[in-house]
Amino acid sequence: HANHSAAMAFVKLQEENLSNPRPGLFYKVFRASHPSIGERIDFCNSYHPWRTQSPSPAAMHADRAARAARSDPTDSVARSLPWR
């Protein structure tokens, strides 16, 4: 599955960079600005939107872009002008 591939990519990244996959709380509070590799792997292994039929963020973005492309933004602006 795609989740397993993403998780394995993070594992490979962690091994190549020799990073700590689960840093301690002190490090996370004062130094971390992004989720740790371990947290990212956990997310990859637990992300299953197709089980609940919820759309993925990419699908929601594509739907929003398609709706925006179909609408004519100049039409709403023209209707709001007082002299029209």
N, C-alpha and C. Protein backbone atom coordinates (compact mmCIF):
# COMPACT_ATOMS: atom_id res chain seq x y z
N HIS A 1 0.83 -1.20 0.00
CA HIS A 1 0.00 0.00 0.00
C HIS A 1 0.87 1.25 0.00
N ALA A 2 0.26 2.36 -0.35
CA ALA A 2 0.98 3.63 -0.40
C ALA A 2 1.47 4.03 0.99
N ASN A 3 0.68 3.71 2.02
CA ASN A 3 1.10 4.07 3.38
C ASN A 3 2.39 3.37 3.76
N HIS A 4 2.50 2.10 3.43
CA HIS A 4 3.70 1.34 3.76
C HIS A 4 4.91 1.92 3.03
N SER A 5 4.72 2.29 1.79
CA SER A 5 5.82 2.87 1.01
C SER A 5 6.29 4.19 1.62
N ALA A 6 5.35 5.01 2.03
CA ALA A 6 5.72 6.29 2.65
C ALA A 6 6.44 6.06 3.97
N ALA A 7 5.95 5.13 4.76
CA ALA A 7 6.59 4.84 6.04
C ALA A 7 8.01 4.31 5.82
N MET A 8 8.18 3.44 4.84
CA MET A 8 9.50 2.90 4.56
C MET A 8 10.45 3.97 4.04
N ALA A 9 9.92 4.95 3.32
CA ALA A 9 10.76 6.06 2.85
C ALA A 9 11.29 6.86 4.04
N PHE A 10 10.43 7.08 5.05
CA PHE A 10 10.89 7.78 6.24
C PHE A 10 11.90 6.95 7.03
N VAL A 11 11.72 5.64 7.06
CA VAL A 11 12.69 4.77 7.74
C VAL A 11 14.05 4.87 7.06
N LYS A 12 14.04 4.82 5.72
CA LYS A 12 15.29 4.92 4.97
C LYS A 12 15.96 6.27 5.20
N LEU A 13 15.16 7.33 5.21
CA LEU A 13 15.70 8.67 5.46
C LEU A 13 16.34 8.74 6.84
N GLN A 14 15.68 8.15 7.82
CA GLN A 14 16.21 8.16 9.19
C GLN A 14 17.51 7.38 9.27
N GLU A 15 17.57 6.24 8.60
CA GLU A 15 18.80 5.43 8.64
C GLU A 15 19.96 6.13 7.96
N GLU A 16 19.69 6.78 6.82
CA GLU A 16 20.76 7.47 6.09
C GLU A 16 21.27 8.69 6.84
N ASN A 17 20.37 9.38 7.53
CA ASN A 17 20.75 10.60 8.25
C ASN A 17 21.20 10.32 9.67
N LEU A 18 21.08 9.08 10.12
CA LEU A 18 21.45 8.69 11.48
C LEU A 18 20.74 9.54 12.53
N SER A 19 19.49 9.87 12.26
CA SER A 19 18.74 10.71 13.19
C SER A 19 18.02 9.84 14.22
N ASN A 20 17.63 10.48 15.30
CA ASN A 20 16.88 9.81 16.36
C ASN A 20 15.40 9.84 15.97
N PRO A 21 14.76 8.69 15.77
CA PRO A 21 13.37 8.70 15.32
C PRO A 21 12.39 9.21 16.37
N ARG A 22 12.76 9.11 17.63
CA ARG A 22 11.86 9.56 18.70
C ARG A 22 12.66 10.35 19.75
N PRO A 23 12.91 11.64 19.46
CA PRO A 23 13.68 12.44 20.41
C PRO A 23 12.89 12.67 21.70
N GLY A 24 13.60 12.99 22.75
CA GLY A 24 12.97 13.24 24.04
C GLY A 24 12.17 14.53 24.07
N LEU A 25 11.39 14.68 25.12
CA LEU A 25 10.53 15.85 25.27
C LEU A 25 11.33 17.14 25.33
N PHE A 26 12.44 17.13 26.05
CA PHE A 26 13.27 18.33 26.16
C PHE A 26 13.73 18.82 24.79
N TYR A 27 14.20 17.89 23.96
CA TYR A 27 14.65 18.25 22.61
C TYR A 27 13.47 18.78 21.79
N LYS A 28 12.34 18.10 21.86
CA LYS A 28 11.18 18.51 21.07
C LYS A 28 10.70 19.90 21.44
N VAL A 29 10.72 20.20 22.72
CA VAL A 29 10.23 21.51 23.17
C VAL A 29 11.15 22.64 22.73
N PHE A 30 12.45 22.43 22.84
CA PHE A 30 13.38 23.53 22.58
C PHE A 30 13.99 23.54 21.19
N ARG A 31 14.01 22.42 20.47
CA ARG A 31 14.71 22.37 19.20
C ARG A 31 13.85 22.00 18.00
N ALA A 32 12.82 21.21 18.20
CA ALA A 32 12.06 20.67 17.07
C ALA A 32 11.09 21.71 16.51
N SER A 33 11.05 21.78 15.19
CA SER A 33 10.09 22.66 14.53
C SER A 33 9.14 21.86 13.62
N HIS A 34 9.41 20.57 13.47
CA HIS A 34 8.59 19.69 12.65
C HIS A 34 8.38 18.38 13.39
N PRO A 35 7.39 17.59 12.96
CA PRO A 35 7.20 16.27 13.60
C PRO A 35 8.44 15.40 13.42
N SER A 36 8.71 14.56 14.40
CA SER A 36 9.86 13.66 14.30
C SER A 36 9.59 12.58 13.26
N ILE A 37 10.64 11.89 12.85
CA ILE A 37 10.49 10.81 11.87
C ILE A 37 9.55 9.74 12.42
N GLY A 38 9.67 9.43 13.70
CA GLY A 38 8.78 8.44 14.31
C GLY A 38 7.32 8.85 14.24
N GLU A 39 7.03 10.13 14.49
CA GLU A 39 5.66 10.63 14.40
C GLU A 39 5.15 10.57 12.96
N ARG A 40 6.02 10.85 12.01
CA ARG A 40 5.62 10.78 10.60
C ARG A 40 5.34 9.35 10.18
N ILE A 41 6.15 8.40 10.66
CA ILE A 41 5.91 6.99 10.35
C ILE A 41 4.59 6.54 10.97
N ASP A 42 4.33 6.94 12.21
CA ASP A 42 3.07 6.60 12.86
C ASP A 42 1.89 7.14 12.07
N PHE A 43 2.00 8.38 11.57
CA PHE A 43 0.93 8.97 10.78
C PHE A 43 0.72 8.17 9.49
N CYS A 44 1.79 7.82 8.81
CA CYS A 44 1.67 7.05 7.57
C CYS A 44 0.97 5.71 7.81
N ASN A 45 1.29 5.08 8.93
CA ASN A 45 0.70 3.78 9.22
C ASN A 45 -0.75 3.87 9.69
N SER A 46 -1.18 5.03 10.16
CA SER A 46 -2.54 5.16 10.67
C SER A 46 -3.47 5.93 9.75
N TYR A 47 -2.98 6.48 8.66
CA TYR A 47 -3.80 7.29 7.76
C TYR A 47 -4.53 6.39 6.76
N HIS A 48 -5.82 6.26 6.92
CA HIS A 48 -6.64 5.41 6.05
C HIS A 48 -7.96 6.11 5.73
N PRO A 49 -7.95 7.18 4.94
CA PRO A 49 -9.20 7.91 4.68
C PRO A 49 -10.20 7.10 3.86
N TRP A 50 -9.73 6.12 3.09
CA TRP A 50 -10.64 5.35 2.26
C TRP A 50 -11.53 4.43 3.10
N ARG A 51 -11.14 4.16 4.33
CA ARG A 51 -11.98 3.32 5.19
C ARG A 51 -13.21 4.06 5.65
N THR A 52 -13.15 5.38 5.77
CA THR A 52 -14.29 6.18 6.22
C THR A 52 -14.92 6.95 5.07
N GLN A 53 -14.45 6.73 3.86
CA GLN A 53 -14.94 7.41 2.67
C GLN A 53 -14.74 8.92 2.71
N SER A 54 -13.78 9.39 3.47
CA SER A 54 -13.49 10.82 3.48
C SER A 54 -12.45 11.10 2.39
N PRO A 55 -12.60 12.21 1.68
CA PRO A 55 -11.67 12.51 0.60
C PRO A 55 -10.30 12.91 1.12
N SER A 56 -9.31 12.66 0.31
CA SER A 56 -7.95 13.04 0.67
C SER A 56 -7.79 14.55 0.49
N PRO A 57 -6.80 15.16 1.12
CA PRO A 57 -6.56 16.59 0.92
C PRO A 57 -6.32 16.93 -0.55
N ALA A 58 -5.64 16.06 -1.27
CA ALA A 58 -5.39 16.32 -2.70
C ALA A 58 -6.69 16.31 -3.49
N ALA A 59 -7.59 15.39 -3.16
CA ALA A 59 -8.87 15.32 -3.86
C ALA A 59 -9.72 16.55 -3.55
N MET A 60 -9.69 17.00 -2.30
CA MET A 60 -10.46 18.20 -1.94
C MET A 60 -9.90 19.42 -2.66
N HIS A 61 -8.57 19.51 -2.77
CA HIS A 61 -7.95 20.64 -3.46
C HIS A 61 -8.31 20.61 -4.95
N ALA A 62 -8.28 19.44 -5.56
CA ALA A 62 -8.62 19.32 -6.99
C ALA A 62 -10.08 19.70 -7.23
N ASP A 63 -10.96 19.30 -6.32
CA ASP A 63 -12.38 19.64 -6.45
C ASP A 63 -12.59 21.14 -6.34
N ARG A 64 -11.90 21.77 -5.38
CA ARG A 64 -12.01 23.22 -5.22
C ARG A 64 -11.48 23.95 -6.45
N ALA A 65 -10.38 23.47 -7.01
CA ALA A 65 -9.80 24.10 -8.19
C ALA A 65 -10.73 23.95 -9.39
N ALA A 66 -11.35 22.79 -9.52
CA ALA A 66 -12.28 22.57 -10.64
C ALA A 66 -13.50 23.48 -10.52
N ARG A 67 -14.02 23.63 -9.31
CA ARG A 67 -15.17 24.53 -9.13
C ARG A 67 -14.78 25.97 -9.41
N ALA A 68 -13.59 26.37 -9.01
CA ALA A 68 -13.14 27.74 -9.26
C ALA A 68 -12.94 27.98 -10.75
N ALA A 69 -12.48 26.98 -11.47
CA ALA A 69 -12.27 27.13 -12.92
C ALA A 69 -13.60 27.24 -13.65
N ARG A 70 -14.63 26.57 -13.14
CA ARG A 70 -15.95 26.63 -13.80
C ARG A 70 -16.65 27.95 -13.56
N SER A 71 -16.41 28.59 -12.43
CA SER A 71 -17.10 29.85 -12.13
C SER A 71 -16.36 31.00 -12.78
N ASP A 72 -17.09 32.03 -13.11
CA ASP A 72 -16.51 33.23 -13.73
C ASP A 72 -16.41 34.32 -12.67
N PRO A 73 -15.22 34.62 -12.17
CA PRO A 73 -15.10 35.62 -11.11
C PRO A 73 -15.50 37.01 -11.56
N THR A 74 -15.38 37.32 -12.83
CA THR A 74 -15.77 38.65 -13.29
C THR A 74 -17.27 38.82 -13.28
N ASP A 75 -18.02 37.73 -13.36
CA ASP A 75 -19.47 37.81 -13.35
C ASP A 75 -19.98 38.32 -12.00
N SER A 76 -19.45 37.80 -10.90
CA SER A 76 -19.89 38.25 -9.58
C SER A 76 -19.46 39.69 -9.32
N VAL A 77 -18.30 40.09 -9.83
CA VAL A 77 -17.85 41.46 -9.66
C VAL A 77 -18.75 42.40 -10.45
N ALA A 78 -19.08 42.02 -11.67
CA ALA A 78 -19.93 42.88 -12.50
C ALA A 78 -21.31 43.05 -11.88
N ARG A 79 -21.86 42.00 -11.28
CA ARG A 79 -23.18 42.10 -10.65
C ARG A 79 -23.15 43.00 -9.43
N SER A 80 -22.02 43.15 -8.77
CA SER A 80 -21.97 43.96 -7.56
C SER A 80 -21.72 45.44 -7.84
N LEU A 81 -21.42 45.80 -9.09
CA LEU A 81 -21.18 47.20 -9.42
C LEU A 81 -22.49 47.99 -9.38
N PRO A 82 -22.49 49.17 -8.78
CA PRO A 82 -23.75 49.92 -8.63
C PRO A 82 -24.30 50.47 -9.94
N TRP A 83 -23.49 50.71 -10.94
CA TRP A 83 -23.96 51.31 -12.19
C TRP A 83 -24.40 50.26 -13.19
N ARG A 84 -24.40 49.05 -12.84
CA ARG A 84 -24.80 48.00 -13.78
C ARG A 84 -26.23 47.65 -13.61
